[in-house]
């Protein structure tokens, strides 16, 4: 089955939705929130931020919440909240899987990769050699 648009969010997308899940915000507030909550690890430049906001608006994840002075405010829609919560749950499952894998990894995965008997010695291209097309 093909992936849906925005099925898995990038880190920047996730932080934008996280900021808006707290309430209406302008672009500067979204940027400041992402940088603060991530300890500076997530820095949204203007091009990234406004590209994401436009895409989210097109997808129906957010709507215009009004303008105050020269600041445009954005509001998360029900679809945006669902996307945020879905991604949050997906990331949580990933973390739980990683924790479980550390405790219960099958022995075959912890001993390294064994060579497949069907692979012949020297059958791979040597570094720097290219096949003739």
C-alpha atoms as a PDB file:
ATOM      1  CA  UNK A   1       0.000   0.000   0.000  1.00  0.00           C
ATOM      2  CA  UNK A   2       1.485   3.406  -0.924  1.00  0.00           C
ATOM      3  CA  UNK A   3       2.231   5.861   1.846  1.00  0.00           C
ATOM      4  CA  UNK A   4      -0.186   8.711   2.404  1.00  0.00           C
ATOM      5  CA  UNK A   5       1.081  12.282   2.069  1.00  0.00           C
ATOM      6  CA  UNK A   6       2.577  13.405   5.388  1.00  0.00           C
ATOM      7  CA  UNK A   7       2.132   9.927   6.889  1.00  0.00           C
ATOM      8  CA  UNK A   8       5.469  10.206   8.697  1.00  0.00           C
ATOM      9  CA  UNK A   9       6.542  13.696   9.643  1.00  0.00           C
ATOM     10  CA  UNK A  10      10.027  15.113   9.520  1.00  0.00           C
ATOM     11  CA  UNK A  11      11.507  16.464  12.733  1.00  0.00           C
ATOM     12  CA  UNK A  12      10.762  20.045  11.677  1.00  0.00           C
ATOM     13  CA  UNK A  13       7.165  19.168  10.805  1.00  0.00           C
ATOM     14  CA  UNK A  14       6.675  17.465  14.149  1.00  0.00           C
ATOM     15  CA  UNK A  15       7.962  20.466  16.100  1.00  0.00           C
ATOM     16  CA  UNK A  16       5.749  22.877  14.163  1.00  0.00           C
ATOM     17  CA  UNK A  17       2.687  20.787  14.971  1.00  0.00           C
ATOM     18  CA  UNK A  18       3.856  20.400  18.574  1.00  0.00           C
ATOM     19  CA  UNK A  19       4.040  24.178  18.938  1.00  0.00           C
ATOM     20  CA  UNK A  20       0.579  24.670  17.465  1.00  0.00           C
ATOM     21  CA  UNK A  21      -0.884  21.863  19.601  1.00  0.00           C
ATOM     22  CA  UNK A  22      -0.314  24.206  22.556  1.00  0.00           C
ATOM     23  CA  UNK A  23      -2.486  26.922  20.966  1.00  0.00           C
ATOM     24  CA  UNK A  24      -2.544  29.574  18.265  1.00  0.00           C
ATOM     25  CA  UNK A  25       0.875  30.953  17.395  1.00  0.00           C
ATOM     26  CA  UNK A  26       2.624  33.131  14.843  1.00  0.00           C
ATOM     27  CA  UNK A  27       5.701  31.964  12.948  1.00  0.00           C
ATOM     28  CA  UNK A  28       8.153  33.642  15.333  1.00  0.00           C
ATOM     29  CA  UNK A  29       6.497  31.925  18.309  1.00  0.00           C
ATOM     30  CA  UNK A  30       6.609  28.538  16.579  1.00  0.00           C
ATOM     31  CA  UNK A  31      10.312  29.013  15.830  1.00  0.00           C
ATOM     32  CA  UNK A  32      11.120  30.114  19.386  1.00  0.00           C
ATOM     33  CA  UNK A  33       9.159  27.214  20.881  1.00  0.00           C
ATOM     34  CA  UNK A  34      10.888  24.596  18.706  1.00  0.00           C
ATOM     35  CA  UNK A  35      14.336  25.929  19.567  1.00  0.00           C
ATOM     36  CA  UNK A  36      13.566  26.230  23.283  1.00  0.00           C
ATOM     37  CA  UNK A  37      11.862  22.854  23.781  1.00  0.00           C
ATOM     38  CA  UNK A  38      14.576  21.028  21.791  1.00  0.00           C
ATOM     39  CA  UNK A  39      17.412  22.712  23.644  1.00  0.00           C
ATOM     40  CA  UNK A  40      18.542  24.371  20.430  1.00  0.00           C
ATOM     41  CA  UNK A  41      18.659  21.153  18.410  1.00  0.00           C
ATOM     42  CA  UNK A  42      15.756  22.209  16.170  1.00  0.00           C
ATOM     43  CA  UNK A  43      16.176  25.562  14.480  1.00  0.00           C
ATOM     44  CA  UNK A  44      13.571  26.470  11.919  1.00  0.00           C
ATOM     45  CA  UNK A  45      14.713  28.965   9.332  1.00  0.00           C
ATOM     46  CA  UNK A  46      12.099  31.218   7.731  1.00  0.00           C
ATOM     47  CA  UNK A  47      12.065  29.298   4.436  1.00  0.00           C
ATOM     48  CA  UNK A  48      11.531  25.954   6.176  1.00  0.00           C
ATOM     49  CA  UNK A  49       8.926  27.312   8.563  1.00  0.00           C
ATOM     50  CA  UNK A  50       6.779  29.114   6.019  1.00  0.00           C
ATOM     51  CA  UNK A  51       7.040  26.256   3.513  1.00  0.00           C
ATOM     52  CA  UNK A  52       5.752  23.886   6.211  1.00  0.00           C
ATOM     53  CA  UNK A  53       3.006  26.260   7.315  1.00  0.00           C
ATOM     54  CA  UNK A  54       1.805  26.619   3.708  1.00  0.00           C
ATOM     55  CA  UNK A  55       1.900  22.847   3.188  1.00  0.00           C
ATOM     56  CA  UNK A  56       0.030  22.197   6.428  1.00  0.00           C
ATOM     57  CA  UNK A  57      -2.580  24.772   5.475  1.00  0.00           C
ATOM     58  CA  UNK A  58      -2.987  23.118   2.055  1.00  0.00           C
ATOM     59  CA  UNK A  59      -3.344  19.691   3.714  1.00  0.00           C
ATOM     60  CA  UNK A  60      -5.955  21.061   6.127  1.00  0.00           C
ATOM     61  CA  UNK A  61      -3.744  20.623   9.216  1.00  0.00           C
ATOM     62  CA  UNK A  62      -3.995  24.268  10.175  1.00  0.00           C
ATOM     63  CA  UNK A  63      -5.996  27.350   9.462  1.00  0.00           C
ATOM     64  CA  UNK A  64      -5.589  31.100   9.696  1.00  0.00           C
ATOM     65  CA  UNK A  65      -6.375  32.250  13.243  1.00  0.00           C
ATOM     66  CA  UNK A  66      -6.181  35.946  12.427  1.00  0.00           C
ATOM     67  CA  UNK A  67      -3.667  38.727  12.178  1.00  0.00           C
ATOM     68  CA  UNK A  68      -2.403  41.033  14.901  1.00  0.00           C
ATOM     69  CA  UNK A  69      -0.374  43.880  13.494  1.00  0.00           C
ATOM     70  CA  UNK A  70       1.895  42.257  10.934  1.00  0.00           C
ATOM     71  CA  UNK A  71       1.828  38.817  12.605  1.00  0.00           C
ATOM     72  CA  UNK A  72      -0.307  36.054  11.139  1.00  0.00           C
ATOM     73  CA  UNK A  73      -1.482  33.468  13.641  1.00  0.00           C
ATOM     74  CA  UNK A  74      -2.122  29.805  12.857  1.00  0.00           C
ATOM     75  CA  UNK A  75      -4.521  27.344  14.502  1.00  0.00           C
ATOM     76  CA  UNK A  76      -4.295  23.564  14.404  1.00  0.00           C
ATOM     77  CA  UNK A  77      -7.363  21.830  12.960  1.00  0.00           C
ATOM     78  CA  UNK A  78      -8.730  18.447  14.026  1.00  0.00           C
ATOM     79  CA  UNK A  79      -6.745  16.885  11.150  1.00  0.00           C
ATOM     80  CA  UNK A  80      -3.591  18.629  12.371  1.00  0.00           C
ATOM     81  CA  UNK A  81      -4.139  17.403  15.924  1.00  0.00           C
ATOM     82  CA  UNK A  82      -4.690  13.871  14.608  1.00  0.00           C
ATOM     83  CA  UNK A  83      -1.467  14.054  12.552  1.00  0.00           C
ATOM     84  CA  UNK A  84       0.489  15.289  15.585  1.00  0.00           C
ATOM     85  CA  UNK A  85      -0.938  12.626  17.903  1.00  0.00           C
ATOM     86  CA  UNK A  86      -0.430   9.914  15.285  1.00  0.00           C
ATOM     87  CA  UNK A  87       3.222  10.842  14.826  1.00  0.00           C
ATOM     88  CA  UNK A  88       3.707  11.103  18.561  1.00  0.00           C
ATOM     89  CA  UNK A  89       2.290   7.584  18.993  1.00  0.00           C
ATOM     90  CA  UNK A  90       4.459   6.264  16.132  1.00  0.00           C
ATOM     91  CA  UNK A  91       7.603   7.712  17.697  1.00  0.00           C
ATOM     92  CA  UNK A  92       6.638   6.288  21.085  1.00  0.00           C
ATOM     93  CA  UNK A  93       6.218   2.824  19.511  1.00  0.00           C
ATOM     94  CA  UNK A  94       9.669   3.185  17.921  1.00  0.00           C
ATOM     95  CA  UNK A  95      11.208   4.003  21.309  1.00  0.00           C
ATOM     96  CA  UNK A  96       9.404   1.090  22.955  1.00  0.00           C
ATOM     97  CA  UNK A  97      10.585  -1.246  20.181  1.00  0.00           C
ATOM     98  CA  UNK A  98      14.164  -0.036  20.639  1.00  0.00           C
ATOM     99  CA  UNK A  99      13.997  -0.609  24.391  1.00  0.00           C
ATOM    100  CA  UNK A 100      12.494  -4.065  23.880  1.00  0.00           C
ATOM    101  CA  UNK A 101      15.125  -4.922  21.255  1.00  0.00           C
ATOM    102  CA  UNK A 102      17.910  -4.124  23.714  1.00  0.00           C
ATOM    103  CA  UNK A 103      16.440  -6.637  26.140  1.00  0.00           C
ATOM    104  CA  UNK A 104      15.216  -9.357  23.815  1.00  0.00           C
ATOM    105  CA  UNK A 105      17.272  -9.309  20.621  1.00  0.00           C
ATOM    106  CA  UNK A 106      17.491 -12.813  19.129  1.00  0.00           C
ATOM    107  CA  UNK A 107      20.946 -14.371  19.347  1.00  0.00           C
ATOM    108  CA  UNK A 108      21.200 -14.448  15.551  1.00  0.00           C
ATOM    109  CA  UNK A 109      21.038 -10.650  15.500  1.00  0.00           C
ATOM    110  CA  UNK A 110      23.669 -10.161  18.169  1.00  0.00           C
ATOM    111  CA  UNK A 111      26.394 -12.392  16.672  1.00  0.00           C
ATOM    112  CA  UNK A 112      26.966 -10.398  13.502  1.00  0.00           C
ATOM    113  CA  UNK A 113      26.123 -11.118   9.917  1.00  0.00           C
ATOM    114  CA  UNK A 114      26.916 -14.577   8.625  1.00  0.00           C
ATOM    115  CA  UNK A 115      27.792 -15.001   4.990  1.00  0.00           C
ATOM    116  CA  UNK A 116      25.087 -16.480   2.783  1.00  0.00           C
ATOM    117  CA  UNK A 117      26.340 -19.767   1.302  1.00  0.00           C
ATOM    118  CA  UNK A 118      24.925 -18.824  -2.108  1.00  0.00           C
ATOM    119  CA  UNK A 119      27.165 -15.760  -2.415  1.00  0.00           C
ATOM    120  CA  UNK A 120      30.372 -16.657  -4.219  1.00  0.00           C
ATOM    121  CA  UNK A 121      33.712 -15.325  -3.151  1.00  0.00           C
ATOM    122  CA  UNK A 122      34.765 -12.374  -5.331  1.00  0.00           C
ATOM    123  CA  UNK A 123      31.374 -11.916  -6.964  1.00  0.00           C
ATOM    124  CA  UNK A 124      31.127  -8.268  -5.953  1.00  0.00           C
ATOM    125  CA  UNK A 125      32.671  -5.446  -7.918  1.00  0.00           C
ATOM    126  CA  UNK A 126      35.974  -4.276  -6.580  1.00  0.00           C
ATOM    127  CA  UNK A 127      36.176  -0.680  -5.368  1.00  0.00           C
ATOM    128  CA  UNK A 128      36.585   1.702  -8.268  1.00  0.00           C
ATOM    129  CA  UNK A 129      35.418  -0.735 -10.929  1.00  0.00           C
ATOM    130  CA  UNK A 130      32.242  -0.010 -12.810  1.00  0.00           C
ATOM    131  CA  UNK A 131      30.236  -2.341 -14.990  1.00  0.00           C
ATOM    132  CA  UNK A 132      30.310  -1.612 -18.721  1.00  0.00           C
ATOM    133  CA  UNK A 133      26.901  -0.512 -19.959  1.00  0.00           C
END
